[in-house]
Amino acid sequence: MSESDTMPDESGAPYLAFGALGSVALALYEYYARGNKQRGMFIGLWPPTMIGFAIYQALQHEE
């Protein structure tokens, strides 16, 4: 087993991906369960930003 197999990904991309999934759930909760459509749509804009930043972090970590 090499060292890269035991070390976690240090780019932070997996954490941002889980954060994006959580914000999708929060956006759906705000929009449908609480009926606050404006806040739900605002929170719904967060996942693409987080995913884009995760991709950027993963690419920076490759170099």
C-alpha atoms as a PDB file:
ATOM      1  CA  MET A   1       0.000   0.000   0.000  1.00  0.00           C
ATOM      2  CA  SER A   2       1.487   3.323  -1.030  1.00  0.00           C
ATOM      3  CA  GLU A   3       1.388   6.516   0.997  1.00  0.00           C
ATOM      4  CA  SER A   4      -1.177   8.069  -1.359  1.00  0.00           C
ATOM      5  CA  ASP A   5      -3.602   5.220  -0.562  1.00  0.00           C
ATOM      6  CA  THR A   6      -3.592   6.035   3.152  1.00  0.00           C
ATOM      7  CA  MET A   7      -3.511   9.831   3.017  1.00  0.00           C
ATOM      8  CA  PRO A   8      -6.808  11.708   2.654  1.00  0.00           C
ATOM      9  CA  ASP A   9      -7.408  14.064  -0.235  1.00  0.00           C
ATOM     10  CA  GLU A  10      -5.958  17.362   0.967  1.00  0.00           C
ATOM     11  CA  SER A  11      -7.592  19.512  -1.710  1.00  0.00           C
ATOM     12  CA  GLY A  12     -10.823  19.872   0.261  1.00  0.00           C
ATOM     13  CA  ALA A  13     -12.895  18.970  -2.796  1.00  0.00           C
ATOM     14  CA  PRO A  14     -14.804  16.093  -1.122  1.00  0.00           C
ATOM     15  CA  TYR A  15     -15.875  18.385   1.722  1.00  0.00           C
ATOM     16  CA  LEU A  16     -17.146  20.968  -0.735  1.00  0.00           C
ATOM     17  CA  ALA A  17     -19.071  18.286  -2.631  1.00  0.00           C
ATOM     18  CA  PHE A  18     -20.792  17.174   0.587  1.00  0.00           C
ATOM     19  CA  GLY A  19     -21.500  20.817   1.386  1.00  0.00           C
ATOM     20  CA  ALA A  20     -23.116  21.204  -2.020  1.00  0.00           C
ATOM     21  CA  LEU A  21     -25.354  18.195  -1.371  1.00  0.00           C
ATOM     22  CA  GLY A  22     -26.314  19.609   2.005  1.00  0.00           C
ATOM     23  CA  SER A  23     -27.195  22.970   0.531  1.00  0.00           C
ATOM     24  CA  VAL A  24     -29.398  21.296  -2.089  1.00  0.00           C
ATOM     25  CA  ALA A  25     -31.282  19.608   0.746  1.00  0.00           C
ATOM     26  CA  LEU A  26     -31.522  22.884   2.640  1.00  0.00           C
ATOM     27  CA  ALA A  27     -32.771  24.717  -0.458  1.00  0.00           C
ATOM     28  CA  LEU A  28     -35.482  22.105  -1.041  1.00  0.00           C
ATOM     29  CA  TYR A  29     -36.489  22.290   2.623  1.00  0.00           C
ATOM     30  CA  GLU A  30     -36.739  26.086   2.558  1.00  0.00           C
ATOM     31  CA  TYR A  31     -38.601  26.146  -0.755  1.00  0.00           C
ATOM     32  CA  TYR A  32     -41.142  23.380  -0.187  1.00  0.00           C
ATOM     33  CA  ALA A  33     -41.412  22.629   3.534  1.00  0.00           C
ATOM     34  CA  ARG A  34     -41.163  26.159   4.903  1.00  0.00           C
ATOM     35  CA  GLY A  35     -42.665  27.886   1.864  1.00  0.00           C
ATOM     36  CA  ASN A  36     -39.918  30.509   1.760  1.00  0.00           C
ATOM     37  CA  LYS A  37     -39.367  30.455  -1.999  1.00  0.00           C
ATOM     38  CA  GLN A  38     -36.982  33.403  -2.164  1.00  0.00           C
ATOM     39  CA  ARG A  39     -34.616  31.958   0.449  1.00  0.00           C
ATOM     40  CA  GLY A  40     -34.857  28.510  -1.162  1.00  0.00           C
ATOM     41  CA  MET A  41     -33.833  29.913  -4.527  1.00  0.00           C
ATOM     42  CA  PHE A  42     -30.996  31.880  -2.945  1.00  0.00           C
ATOM     43  CA  ILE A  43     -29.627  28.812  -1.179  1.00  0.00           C
ATOM     44  CA  GLY A  44     -30.081  26.870  -4.428  1.00  0.00           C
ATOM     45  CA  LEU A  45     -27.403  29.079  -5.996  1.00  0.00           C
ATOM     46  CA  TRP A  46     -24.749  27.837  -3.570  1.00  0.00           C
ATOM     47  CA  PRO A  47     -24.158  24.266  -4.913  1.00  0.00           C
ATOM     48  CA  PRO A  48     -22.867  25.283  -8.368  1.00  0.00           C
ATOM     49  CA  THR A  49     -20.482  27.712  -6.698  1.00  0.00           C
ATOM     50  CA  MET A  50     -19.246  25.058  -4.277  1.00  0.00           C
ATOM     51  CA  ILE A  51     -18.822  22.483  -7.035  1.00  0.00           C
ATOM     52  CA  GLY A  52     -16.910  24.987  -9.170  1.00  0.00           C
ATOM     53  CA  PHE A  53     -14.621  25.788  -6.269  1.00  0.00           C
ATOM     54  CA  ALA A  54     -14.139  22.057  -5.582  1.00  0.00           C
ATOM     55  CA  ILE A  55     -13.083  21.523  -9.200  1.00  0.00           C
ATOM     56  CA  TYR A  56     -10.680  24.450  -8.918  1.00  0.00           C
ATOM     57  CA  GLN A  57      -9.196  23.036  -5.697  1.00  0.00           C
ATOM     58  CA  ALA A  58      -8.800  19.567  -7.244  1.00  0.00           C
ATOM     59  CA  LEU A  59      -7.048  21.023 -10.292  1.00  0.00           C
ATOM     60  CA  GLN A  60      -4.733  23.111  -8.119  1.00  0.00           C
ATOM     61  CA  HIS A  61      -3.905  20.046  -6.032  1.00  0.00           C
ATOM     62  CA  GLU A  62      -2.946  18.076  -9.183  1.00  0.00           C
ATOM     63  CA  GLU A  63      -0.120  20.443 -10.106  1.00  0.00           C
END
